[in-house]
Amino acid sequence: MSKYKDTESGDIETDSDRDQIELRNITKTFPGGIVANDEISLTLRRGNVHALLGENGAGKSTLMKSMYGLYTPDSGEIRVNDETVDLAGPSDAKRLGIGMVHQHFQLIERLSVAENVLLSIPDEFRDSITDLSDVKTQLTDLIDQYGFSITPTDTVAELDVGQQQQVEILKSVITRSEYLVLDEPTAALSPSGIDELLSTLRELVAKGYGVLIVTHKLEEAMSVADRVTVLRDGQRIDTVSTEETSVDDVAEKMVGNSIRNDNLRTDTSPDADSDATDPVLRVEDVCLRSASRSCNLNHVNLELYPGEIVGLAGISGNGRTELVDCLTGVKEPESGLIELNGHDVTYSHPGRRVDNGMSYIPEDRVTHGCAPELSVTMNIGKKYYKLLSKRGILNWTKLTERARDIVDQFDVRTGGVDSKAESLSGGNMQKMIVGRELDCDPDMIVANNPTRGIDISAEEFVQQKLVEMRQDGVGVLFVSDDVDEILQMSDRILTMYEGEITHRTDTQSADIDTISDCMTGNVS
């Protein structure tokens, strides 16, 4: 029998205040008078999963970083096991049993998985984990347990974004912290991987661990959490038991009004000629033999026509990233043909593909999507410097005007176009990138997990913009590991497994179980 019980207010009582982290009236402001957290209180109890929800920019990341010692609150109190603590940094948090899995990875790319994990282990655990051999042994067990697609000896630089997410999860789990703070931990996992991780979280809380999970997948939060706290505009809107609320109620509290996503996709034909015979993108027999352990591509064939969305479903580590790299010019295939608007671009640099009408939304917005240390204007200008230059001189006035137009059109919430991109929340950074890539009148778009790690309203906004591009006759290759999103967005669907296209279907004939099985190789 659990020692936790609901009260009339929706809070959970414990037998002892010593088994909890308590944030009391946390306030944190940033230069420019931005109030990220405004007297927010939250209690994370051992033996509970607590979900922290809110739009990008609502204050979730700031609150987590205060709990982990990355930020010092301007006012308020942090209590761990009924004692007031001052967290000078993450090392203090780790000593108190607080572990954190970051959404934006903190990895050294040239080192192996095991070496990255070893470096993250605090001194308190050195008695049980003394060297690299110990780490490899424990990692092998954990990797088998979660079904991850990595090995302890893999070099991080060779891993795609989903596999790097797995390393971050392992870094925290291996120390068995009493409290785990997980920021979008399932964003890069397959449906079966998500189920396995959520099952593991339930096992951990059954043993007395406290888990704070930040996620934009409301169904996921409601399925695993005991309580949810909703933030909006830096303030706590409510804390409720999941048994006393619903997904729709939580979504409405997050954004201040009801969310409607039912009219996102319609059966209306796009404005472009649906009988077009010439594809905007043609891929024939593309092969890639990887020098690392990354997945090979084996005779990949696909076509993308104007005015359609083709969904490419695949789990990280099965060739999805390698195919996108070949399409966008990041990697050269060993053989085959990539044709864009009738032009052979198989071995062309990315710039030529842009000149031939391709736009690209990468899955990692920080590393590949933008230059965080540069301004919003400079990041948007990466796409327009040729158009707005004369004799090699950039027209800064026109570029600034274009940046402001995109910020307004795509609802990028920023202190101004001169603000650094790194100052934006994740969702607003994504909208900046989407705006830059869609506003330049492309013929086709490679959208690689464009809604990963963004909140429900930003997700709906990005999806709607891509559908509008489809209606305007643009071809969209929509890459995702979220089967529900693939079904919602696509006209045709392809699945990838171990570097091959394993299934082709249209949306009307699609079966979610078949797609999931083809993504995981679970087919006869």
Protein backbone atom coordinates (compact mmCIF):
# COMPACT_ATOMS: atom_id res chain seq x y z
CA MET A 1 0.00 0.00 0.00
CA SER A 2 1.37 3.42 -0.98
CA LYS A 3 2.16 5.92 1.75
CA TYR A 4 0.79 8.71 -0.49
CA LYS A 5 -2.77 9.96 -0.36
CA ASP A 6 -4.66 12.72 -2.14
CA THR A 7 -6.02 15.65 -0.17
CA GLU A 8 -9.03 17.72 -1.12
CA SER A 9 -6.73 20.35 -2.66
CA GLY A 10 -5.18 17.82 -5.03
CA ASP A 11 -1.86 17.80 -3.20
CA ILE A 12 -0.26 14.58 -1.96
CA GLU A 13 0.61 14.08 1.69
CA THR A 14 3.51 11.96 2.89
CA ASP A 15 4.23 10.40 6.22
CA SER A 16 7.39 12.52 6.50
CA ASP A 17 8.47 15.88 5.12
CA ARG A 18 11.99 14.49 4.96
CA ASP A 19 11.27 12.58 1.76
CA GLN A 20 10.85 15.50 -0.60
CA ILE A 21 12.31 18.49 -2.41
CA GLU A 22 10.36 21.64 -1.77
CA LEU A 23 10.62 24.84 -3.80
CA ARG A 24 9.06 27.74 -1.94
CA ASN A 25 8.17 30.99 -3.71
CA ILE A 26 11.04 30.79 -6.19
CA THR A 27 11.56 34.02 -8.12
CA LYS A 28 14.13 34.47 -10.87
CA THR A 29 14.54 37.47 -13.16
CA PHE A 30 16.89 38.13 -16.04
CA PRO A 31 18.31 41.32 -17.55
CA GLY A 32 15.71 43.46 -19.23
CA GLY A 33 13.17 42.88 -16.47
CA ILE A 34 12.18 39.42 -17.71
CA VAL A 35 10.51 37.52 -14.85
CA ALA A 36 11.09 33.86 -15.66
CA ASN A 37 9.76 32.52 -12.33
CA ASP A 38 7.34 34.54 -10.22
CA GLU A 39 7.02 33.09 -6.71
CA ILE A 40 6.60 29.50 -7.89
CA SER A 41 6.18 26.71 -5.35
CA LEU A 42 6.47 23.01 -6.14
CA THR A 43 7.01 19.85 -4.11
CA LEU A 44 8.64 16.71 -5.50
CA ARG A 45 8.11 13.74 -3.22
CA ARG A 46 9.93 10.43 -3.24
CA GLY A 47 7.72 7.66 -4.53
CA ASN A 48 5.97 10.06 -6.94
CA VAL A 49 6.24 11.15 -10.55
CA HIS A 50 5.52 14.86 -10.88
CA ALA A 51 5.03 16.35 -14.37
CA LEU A 52 5.96 19.98 -15.01
CA LEU A 53 4.02 21.36 -17.97
CA GLY A 54 3.79 24.65 -19.81
CA GLU A 55 4.49 26.35 -23.10
CA ASN A 56 8.04 27.15 -24.16
CA GLY A 57 9.00 30.26 -22.25
CA ALA A 58 6.63 29.50 -19.37
CA GLY A 59 9.53 29.15 -16.92
CA LYS A 60 9.96 25.37 -16.70
CA SER A 61 13.64 25.27 -17.63
CA THR A 62 14.49 28.12 -15.26
CA LEU A 63 12.77 26.35 -12.39
CA MET A 64 14.56 23.07 -13.14
CA LYS A 65 17.92 24.82 -13.34
CA SER A 66 17.31 26.41 -9.95
CA MET A 67 16.54 22.97 -8.51
CA TYR A 68 19.77 21.62 -10.02
CA GLY A 69 21.99 24.51 -8.92
CA LEU A 70 22.56 25.98 -12.37
CA TYR A 71 20.69 29.17 -11.41
CA THR A 72 20.53 30.99 -8.09
CA PRO A 73 17.01 32.28 -7.40
CA ASP A 74 16.60 35.97 -6.57
CA SER A 75 14.31 34.99 -3.72
CA GLY A 76 12.61 31.95 -2.29
CA GLU A 77 13.81 28.82 -0.55
CA ILE A 78 14.87 25.32 -1.61
CA ARG A 79 14.47 22.55 0.95
CA VAL A 80 15.77 19.00 0.47
CA ASN A 81 14.59 16.39 2.98
CA ASP A 82 13.26 19.15 5.24
CA GLU A 83 16.53 21.10 5.32
CA THR A 84 17.14 24.45 3.64
CA VAL A 85 19.98 24.19 1.12
CA ASP A 86 22.06 26.59 -0.93
CA LEU A 87 22.97 25.07 -4.28
CA ALA A 88 26.17 26.66 -5.58
CA GLY A 89 26.19 24.37 -8.60
CA PRO A 90 25.26 20.94 -9.98
CA SER A 91 27.89 19.26 -7.81
CA ASP A 92 25.94 20.33 -4.71
CA ALA A 93 22.74 18.99 -6.26
CA LYS A 94 24.37 15.64 -7.07
CA ARG A 95 25.67 15.34 -3.50
CA LEU A 96 22.09 15.79 -2.30
CA GLY A 97 20.90 13.00 -4.60
CA ILE A 98 19.49 15.15 -7.41
CA GLY A 99 20.22 14.01 -10.97
CA MET A 100 19.20 15.77 -14.17
CA VAL A 101 18.80 14.70 -17.78
CA HIS A 102 19.14 17.77 -20.00
CA GLN A 103 17.25 18.26 -23.24
CA HIS A 104 20.26 19.92 -24.86
CA PHE A 105 23.04 17.45 -24.45
CA GLN A 106 26.14 17.92 -22.32
CA LEU A 107 28.45 15.46 -24.01
CA ILE A 108 32.05 15.41 -25.25
CA GLU A 109 31.68 14.19 -28.82
CA ARG A 110 35.19 12.77 -29.29
CA LEU A 111 34.86 10.49 -26.24
CA SER A 112 33.03 7.20 -25.98
CA VAL A 113 29.68 6.64 -24.31
CA ALA A 114 31.36 4.99 -21.32
CA GLU A 115 33.91 7.80 -20.99
CA ASN A 116 31.17 10.44 -21.02
CA VAL A 117 29.26 8.57 -18.34
CA LEU A 118 32.38 8.09 -16.19
CA LEU A 119 33.17 11.82 -16.29
CA SER A 120 29.64 12.63 -15.09
CA ILE A 121 29.82 10.43 -11.99
CA PRO A 122 30.38 12.42 -8.77
CA ASP A 123 33.10 11.47 -6.28
CA GLU A 124 30.55 10.00 -3.88
CA PHE A 125 30.03 7.08 -6.28
CA ARG A 126 33.69 6.35 -6.97
CA ASP A 127 33.76 3.52 -4.43
CA SER A 128 31.27 1.46 -6.45
CA ILE A 129 32.30 2.73 -9.89
CA THR A 130 36.06 2.93 -9.87
CA ASP A 131 37.11 2.74 -13.50
CA LEU A 132 36.01 2.51 -17.11
CA SER A 133 35.59 -1.25 -16.91
CA ASP A 134 33.01 -0.89 -14.12
CA VAL A 135 31.12 1.71 -16.14
CA LYS A 136 31.06 -0.49 -19.25
CA THR A 137 29.70 -3.42 -17.27
CA GLN A 138 26.90 -1.40 -15.71
CA LEU A 139 26.10 0.38 -18.97
CA THR A 140 25.80 -2.90 -20.83
CA ASP A 141 23.14 -4.04 -18.35
CA LEU A 142 21.24 -0.73 -18.56
CA ILE A 143 21.42 -0.62 -22.36
CA ASP A 144 19.96 -4.13 -22.52
CA GLN A 145 17.29 -3.17 -20.02
CA TYR A 146 16.13 -0.13 -22.02
CA GLY A 147 16.72 -1.64 -25.45
CA PHE A 148 18.92 1.28 -26.48
CA SER A 149 20.68 1.21 -29.87
CA ILE A 150 24.17 2.08 -28.59
CA THR A 151 27.15 0.35 -26.99
CA PRO A 152 29.50 1.61 -24.25
CA THR A 153 32.40 1.87 -26.73
CA ASP A 154 30.61 4.02 -29.33
CA THR A 155 32.08 7.46 -29.92
CA VAL A 156 29.44 10.10 -29.22
CA ALA A 157 30.26 11.99 -32.44
CA GLU A 158 29.10 8.91 -34.40
CA LEU A 159 25.69 8.85 -32.71
CA ASP A 160 22.60 10.61 -34.01
CA VAL A 161 20.53 12.91 -31.80
CA GLY A 162 18.26 10.13 -30.56
CA GLN A 163 21.19 7.98 -29.50
CA GLN A 164 22.85 10.93 -27.77
CA GLN A 165 19.62 11.40 -25.82
CA GLN A 166 20.02 7.82 -24.64
CA VAL A 167 23.51 8.62 -23.32
CA GLU A 168 22.11 11.53 -21.31
CA ILE A 169 19.51 9.27 -19.74
CA LEU A 170 22.17 6.73 -18.80
CA LYS A 171 24.35 9.40 -17.16
CA SER A 172 21.65 10.10 -14.62
CA VAL A 173 20.22 6.61 -14.14
CA ILE A 174 23.58 4.95 -13.43
CA THR A 175 24.04 6.84 -10.15
CA ARG A 176 20.52 6.00 -8.94
CA SER A 177 19.89 9.50 -7.63
CA GLU A 178 17.06 9.80 -5.10
CA TYR A 179 15.50 12.53 -7.23
CA LEU A 180 15.60 12.59 -11.04
CA VAL A 181 14.78 15.66 -13.10
CA LEU A 182 14.16 14.67 -16.72
CA ASP A 183 13.76 17.30 -19.45
CA GLU A 184 11.95 15.80 -22.46
CA PRO A 185 13.51 12.36 -21.83
CA THR A 186 11.38 10.51 -24.37
CA ALA A 187 11.60 13.00 -27.25
CA ALA A 188 13.97 10.79 -29.25
CA LEU A 189 12.62 7.37 -28.32
CA SER A 190 10.48 4.96 -30.31
CA PRO A 191 6.95 4.11 -29.10
CA SER A 192 8.23 0.87 -27.58
CA GLY A 193 11.23 2.70 -26.10
CA ILE A 194 8.90 5.24 -24.50
CA ASP A 195 6.83 2.45 -22.97
CA GLU A 196 9.98 0.82 -21.59
CA LEU A 197 11.28 4.06 -20.11
CA LEU A 198 7.96 4.95 -18.51
CA SER A 199 7.84 1.43 -17.07
CA THR A 200 11.33 1.96 -15.64
CA LEU A 201 10.25 5.27 -14.08
CA ARG A 202 7.35 3.50 -12.41
CA GLU A 203 9.74 0.89 -11.04
CA LEU A 204 12.02 3.63 -9.70
CA VAL A 205 9.23 5.48 -7.88
CA ALA A 206 8.00 2.18 -6.46
CA LYS A 207 11.44 1.87 -4.85
CA GLY A 208 11.21 5.37 -3.40
CA TYR A 209 12.73 7.59 -6.06
CA GLY A 210 11.15 10.95 -6.86
CA VAL A 211 10.90 11.87 -10.55
CA LEU A 212 10.19 15.30 -12.03
CA ILE A 213 9.47 14.92 -15.74
CA VAL A 214 9.15 17.85 -18.12
CA THR A 215 7.40 16.88 -21.32
CA HIS A 216 5.24 18.36 -24.04
CA LYS A 217 3.45 15.06 -24.61
CA LEU A 218 0.40 15.51 -22.42
CA GLU A 219 -0.87 11.96 -22.82
CA GLU A 220 2.54 10.72 -21.72
CA ALA A 221 2.52 12.97 -18.65
CA MET A 222 -0.99 11.93 -17.66
CA SER A 223 -0.15 8.24 -18.05
CA VAL A 224 2.89 8.23 -15.77
CA ALA A 225 2.55 11.16 -13.36
CA ASP A 226 0.83 11.28 -9.99
CA ARG A 227 0.56 15.07 -10.14
CA VAL A 228 1.05 17.81 -12.69
CA THR A 229 2.05 21.42 -12.19
CA VAL A 230 1.18 23.86 -14.97
CA LEU A 231 3.19 27.04 -15.52
CA ARG A 232 2.20 29.96 -17.73
CA ASP A 233 4.08 33.23 -18.22
CA GLY A 234 6.38 32.48 -15.29
CA GLN A 235 3.61 31.75 -12.83
CA ARG A 236 2.19 28.55 -11.36
CA ILE A 237 -1.35 28.16 -12.67
CA ASP A 238 -2.26 24.97 -10.84
CA THR A 239 -1.05 21.72 -9.28
CA VAL A 240 -3.49 18.84 -9.57
CA SER A 241 -3.67 15.09 -9.24
CA THR A 242 -3.80 13.36 -12.62
CA GLU A 243 -6.78 11.40 -11.34
CA GLU A 244 -8.71 14.65 -11.02
CA THR A 245 -8.01 16.23 -14.40
CA SER A 246 -7.83 15.45 -18.13
CA VAL A 247 -5.53 16.12 -21.07
CA ASP A 248 -7.90 18.77 -22.43
CA ASP A 249 -8.11 20.56 -19.06
CA VAL A 250 -4.32 20.60 -18.69
CA ALA A 251 -3.84 21.85 -22.27
CA GLU A 252 -6.28 24.68 -21.65
CA LYS A 253 -4.46 25.68 -18.46
CA MET A 254 -1.15 25.69 -20.34
CA VAL A 255 -2.22 28.14 -23.04
CA GLY A 256 -5.15 29.96 -21.44
CA ASN A 257 -7.66 28.70 -24.00
CA SER A 258 -8.75 25.49 -25.63
CA ILE A 259 -6.43 23.76 -28.10
CA ARG A 260 -7.99 22.48 -31.30
CA ASN A 261 -5.91 20.30 -33.55
CA ASP A 262 -8.71 18.44 -35.28
CA ASN A 263 -8.73 20.68 -38.34
CA LEU A 264 -5.00 20.56 -38.96
CA ARG A 265 -5.17 18.10 -41.85
CA THR A 266 -8.06 17.91 -44.26
CA ASP A 267 -8.77 15.84 -47.32
CA THR A 268 -8.81 18.98 -49.47
CA SER A 269 -6.52 18.66 -52.44
CA PRO A 270 -3.55 21.03 -52.51
CA ASP A 271 -3.56 24.03 -54.82
CA ALA A 272 -0.79 22.45 -56.88
CA ASP A 273 -1.53 20.02 -59.70
CA SER A 274 -2.16 16.73 -57.89
CA ASP A 275 -1.46 14.87 -61.15
CA ALA A 276 2.04 16.28 -61.50
CA THR A 277 4.26 13.70 -63.16
CA ASP A 278 7.62 15.23 -62.29
CA PRO A 279 8.75 14.82 -58.68
CA VAL A 280 10.47 17.69 -56.95
CA LEU A 281 12.77 15.12 -55.31
CA ARG A 282 13.80 11.76 -56.74
CA VAL A 283 16.05 9.30 -54.89
CA GLU A 284 17.22 6.17 -56.72
CA ASP A 285 19.24 3.30 -55.26
CA VAL A 286 21.09 5.46 -52.74
CA CYS A 287 23.65 3.48 -50.76
CA LEU A 288 25.92 4.63 -47.98
CA ARG A 289 28.51 2.40 -46.37
CA SER A 290 29.36 4.03 -43.08
CA ALA A 291 32.93 3.99 -41.82
CA SER A 292 31.59 4.12 -38.26
CA ARG A 293 28.91 1.96 -36.69
CA SER A 294 26.24 4.32 -37.98
CA CYS A 295 23.62 2.60 -40.08
CA ASN A 296 24.25 1.86 -43.76
CA LEU A 297 21.76 2.89 -46.43
CA ASN A 298 20.76 0.01 -48.67
CA HIS A 299 19.31 0.96 -52.08
CA VAL A 300 16.91 3.61 -50.85
CA ASN A 301 14.29 4.79 -53.34
CA LEU A 302 11.69 7.50 -52.86
CA GLU A 303 9.90 10.27 -54.71
CA LEU A 304 8.38 13.49 -53.41
CA TYR A 305 5.88 15.40 -55.55
CA PRO A 306 4.80 19.04 -55.39
CA GLY A 307 1.92 19.62 -53.02
CA GLU A 308 2.25 16.51 -50.84
CA ILE A 309 3.61 15.58 -47.44
CA VAL A 310 5.50 12.30 -47.33
CA GLY A 311 6.05 11.02 -43.81
CA LEU A 312 9.26 9.12 -43.13
CA ALA A 313 8.91 7.09 -39.94
CA GLY A 314 11.96 5.54 -38.36
CA ILE A 315 13.66 4.98 -35.04
CA SER A 316 17.01 6.63 -34.36
CA GLY A 317 19.90 4.44 -35.47
CA ASN A 318 18.12 2.88 -38.45
CA GLY A 319 19.28 5.14 -41.27
CA ARG A 320 16.87 8.03 -40.98
CA THR A 321 19.57 10.52 -40.09
CA GLU A 322 21.98 9.17 -42.73
CA LEU A 323 19.34 9.56 -45.43
CA VAL A 324 18.59 13.13 -44.40
CA ASP A 325 22.33 13.89 -44.41
CA CYS A 326 22.61 12.57 -47.99
CA LEU A 327 19.55 14.53 -49.13
CA THR A 328 20.80 17.80 -47.68
CA GLY A 329 24.44 17.42 -48.75
CA VAL A 330 25.96 16.82 -45.34
CA LYS A 331 27.17 13.39 -46.51
CA GLU A 332 27.89 11.98 -49.96
CA PRO A 333 26.32 8.62 -50.81
CA GLU A 334 28.49 5.80 -52.04
CA SER A 335 26.24 5.29 -55.04
CA GLY A 336 22.82 6.17 -56.38
CA LEU A 337 21.08 9.33 -57.59
CA ILE A 338 19.55 12.32 -55.82
CA GLU A 339 17.67 14.62 -58.16
CA LEU A 340 16.17 17.95 -57.14
CA ASN A 341 13.86 19.73 -59.58
CA GLY A 342 15.42 17.69 -62.36
CA HIS A 343 19.00 18.57 -61.38
CA ASP A 344 21.49 15.94 -60.28
CA VAL A 345 22.65 17.07 -56.81
CA THR A 346 23.97 13.71 -55.62
CA TYR A 347 27.45 15.04 -54.88
CA SER A 348 26.64 18.75 -54.70
CA HIS A 349 27.31 20.88 -51.63
CA PRO A 350 24.33 22.06 -49.52
CA GLY A 351 24.41 25.54 -51.05
CA ARG A 352 23.55 24.22 -54.50
CA ARG A 353 20.56 22.37 -53.08
CA VAL A 354 19.35 25.60 -51.51
CA ASP A 355 19.77 27.32 -54.90
CA ASN A 356 17.66 24.55 -56.44
CA GLY A 357 14.76 25.08 -54.04
CA MET A 358 15.47 22.98 -50.92
CA SER A 359 14.88 24.15 -47.37
CA TYR A 360 15.92 22.15 -44.33
CA ILE A 361 14.66 22.10 -40.74
CA PRO A 362 17.19 20.01 -38.76
CA GLU A 363 16.26 17.90 -35.75
CA ASP A 364 18.86 19.55 -33.48
CA ARG A 365 17.98 23.24 -33.45
CA VAL A 366 20.90 24.29 -31.26
CA THR A 367 23.79 22.45 -32.92
CA HIS A 368 22.67 22.41 -36.55
CA GLY A 369 19.71 24.78 -36.78
CA CYS A 370 21.24 28.04 -35.67
CA ALA A 371 24.25 29.86 -34.26
CA PRO A 372 23.09 30.47 -30.66
CA GLU A 373 25.66 33.19 -29.94
CA LEU A 374 24.54 35.30 -32.91
CA SER A 375 21.50 37.56 -33.09
CA VAL A 376 18.10 36.60 -34.44
CA THR A 377 18.79 38.84 -37.42
CA MET A 378 22.09 37.13 -38.21
CA ASN A 379 20.53 33.68 -37.89
CA ILE A 380 17.74 34.59 -40.29
CA GLY A 381 20.27 36.27 -42.55
CA LYS A 382 22.00 32.95 -43.23
CA LYS A 383 19.24 32.25 -45.75
CA TYR A 384 19.07 35.70 -47.34
CA TYR A 385 22.59 37.07 -47.61
CA LYS A 386 22.77 36.44 -51.38
CA LEU A 387 19.34 37.93 -52.04
CA LEU A 388 20.00 41.02 -49.94
CA SER A 389 23.58 41.65 -51.03
CA LYS A 390 24.88 43.79 -53.89
CA ARG A 391 28.49 43.50 -55.04
CA GLY A 392 29.30 41.58 -51.89
CA ILE A 393 27.84 44.21 -49.54
CA LEU A 394 24.94 43.12 -47.34
CA ASN A 395 22.01 45.52 -47.07
CA TRP A 396 21.66 45.41 -43.30
CA THR A 397 18.53 47.58 -43.27
CA LYS A 398 16.63 45.21 -45.57
CA LEU A 399 17.90 42.17 -43.65
CA THR A 400 16.68 43.64 -40.36
CA GLU A 401 13.31 44.35 -41.95
CA ARG A 402 13.11 40.76 -43.20
CA ALA A 403 14.00 39.44 -39.74
CA ARG A 404 11.28 41.56 -38.14
CA ASP A 405 8.73 40.37 -40.69
CA ILE A 406 9.57 36.71 -39.98
CA VAL A 407 9.50 37.27 -36.21
CA ASP A 408 6.02 38.81 -36.54
CA GLN A 409 4.68 36.30 -39.05
CA PHE A 410 5.88 33.25 -37.13
CA ASP A 411 5.16 34.62 -33.66
CA VAL A 412 8.76 34.39 -32.44
CA ARG A 413 8.66 35.84 -28.95
CA THR A 414 11.91 37.66 -28.39
CA GLY A 415 13.23 40.85 -26.84
CA GLY A 416 14.03 42.06 -30.36
CA VAL A 417 15.79 40.91 -33.51
CA ASP A 418 19.10 42.04 -32.00
CA SER A 419 18.71 39.51 -29.17
CA LYS A 420 20.94 36.45 -29.29
CA ALA A 421 19.28 33.25 -30.46
CA GLU A 422 20.40 31.51 -27.27
CA SER A 423 18.13 33.84 -25.29
CA LEU A 424 15.05 32.31 -26.95
CA SER A 425 13.08 29.47 -25.46
CA GLY A 426 13.23 26.17 -27.33
CA GLY A 427 9.89 26.69 -29.05
CA ASN A 428 10.68 30.23 -30.14
CA MET A 429 14.09 29.17 -31.43
CA GLN A 430 12.33 26.47 -33.46
CA LYS A 431 9.82 28.97 -34.85
CA MET A 432 12.70 31.26 -35.85
CA ILE A 433 14.31 28.40 -37.81
CA VAL A 434 11.00 27.32 -39.36
CA GLY A 435 10.26 30.91 -40.36
CA ARG A 436 13.67 31.31 -41.98
CA GLU A 437 13.30 28.07 -43.96
CA LEU A 438 9.67 28.54 -45.04
CA ASP A 439 9.72 32.25 -45.88
CA CYS A 440 12.27 31.88 -48.69
CA ASP A 441 9.79 30.38 -51.18
CA PRO A 442 11.20 26.82 -51.35
CA ASP A 443 10.03 24.09 -53.73
CA MET A 444 10.59 21.36 -51.14
CA ILE A 445 11.28 21.09 -47.42
CA VAL A 446 13.11 18.42 -45.47
CA ALA A 447 11.56 18.72 -42.00
CA ASN A 448 13.47 16.46 -39.61
CA ASN A 449 11.54 16.11 -36.34
CA PRO A 450 10.44 19.76 -36.55
CA THR A 451 8.19 19.57 -33.47
CA ARG A 452 10.58 17.72 -31.15
CA GLY A 453 10.80 19.28 -27.71
CA ILE A 454 8.34 22.14 -28.27
CA ASP A 455 5.07 22.83 -26.49
CA ILE A 456 1.61 21.98 -27.73
CA SER A 457 0.74 25.40 -29.19
CA ALA A 458 4.14 25.78 -30.90
CA GLU A 459 3.78 22.23 -32.22
CA GLU A 460 0.38 23.02 -33.70
CA PHE A 461 1.76 26.25 -35.19
CA VAL A 462 4.68 24.50 -36.92
CA GLN A 463 2.46 21.69 -38.20
CA GLN A 464 -0.07 24.17 -39.59
CA LYS A 465 2.65 26.13 -41.39
CA LEU A 466 3.91 22.96 -43.07
CA VAL A 467 0.36 22.05 -44.14
CA GLU A 468 -0.02 25.56 -45.60
CA MET A 469 3.17 25.03 -47.59
CA ARG A 470 1.73 21.78 -48.92
CA GLN A 471 -1.43 23.63 -49.94
CA ASP A 472 0.76 26.11 -51.83
CA GLY A 473 2.30 23.31 -53.86
CA VAL A 474 5.48 22.70 -51.88
CA GLY A 475 6.69 19.13 -51.36
CA VAL A 476 7.41 18.26 -47.72
CA LEU A 477 9.45 15.29 -46.50
CA PHE A 478 8.29 15.01 -42.89
CA VAL A 479 10.68 12.90 -40.81
CA SER A 480 9.59 11.78 -37.36
CA ASP A 481 9.70 8.91 -34.89
CA ASP A 482 6.22 9.86 -33.61
CA VAL A 483 3.79 7.54 -35.41
CA ASP A 484 0.72 9.54 -34.39
CA GLU A 485 2.22 12.72 -35.83
CA ILE A 486 3.20 10.92 -39.04
CA LEU A 487 -0.38 9.71 -39.48
CA GLN A 488 -1.77 13.14 -38.72
CA MET A 489 0.47 15.04 -41.13
CA SER A 490 1.16 12.79 -44.12
CA ASP A 491 -0.39 12.01 -47.49
CA ARG A 492 1.93 9.03 -47.98
CA ILE A 493 4.01 7.19 -45.39
CA LEU A 494 7.35 5.36 -45.65
CA THR A 495 9.05 3.46 -42.84
CA MET A 496 12.77 2.79 -42.40
CA TYR A 497 14.51 -0.03 -40.60
CA GLU A 498 18.21 -0.91 -40.76
CA GLY A 499 18.82 1.45 -43.66
CA GLU A 500 16.02 0.23 -45.90
CA ILE A 501 12.51 1.40 -46.77
CA THR A 502 10.42 -1.39 -45.26
CA HIS A 503 6.87 -0.22 -45.85
CA ARG A 504 4.96 2.17 -48.13
CA THR A 505 1.34 3.22 -47.70
CA ASP A 506 -1.04 6.14 -48.04
CA THR A 507 -2.77 7.71 -45.07
CA GLN A 508 -6.16 6.21 -45.86
CA SER A 509 -4.74 2.67 -45.88
CA ALA A 510 -2.28 3.18 -43.02
CA ASP A 511 -2.36 0.91 -39.99
CA ILE A 512 -0.55 2.18 -36.90
CA ASP A 513 0.40 -1.30 -35.70
CA THR A 514 1.88 -2.22 -39.08
CA ILE A 515 3.87 1.01 -39.20
CA SER A 516 5.20 0.49 -35.67
CA ASP A 517 6.16 -3.10 -36.48
CA CYS A 518 7.97 -2.04 -39.67
CA MET A 519 9.86 0.65 -37.73
CA THR A 520 11.15 -1.92 -35.25
CA GLY A 521 11.70 -4.84 -37.63
CA ASN A 522 8.93 -6.82 -35.96
CA VAL A 523 7.60 -8.25 -39.22
CA SER A 524 7.43 -11.80 -40.47
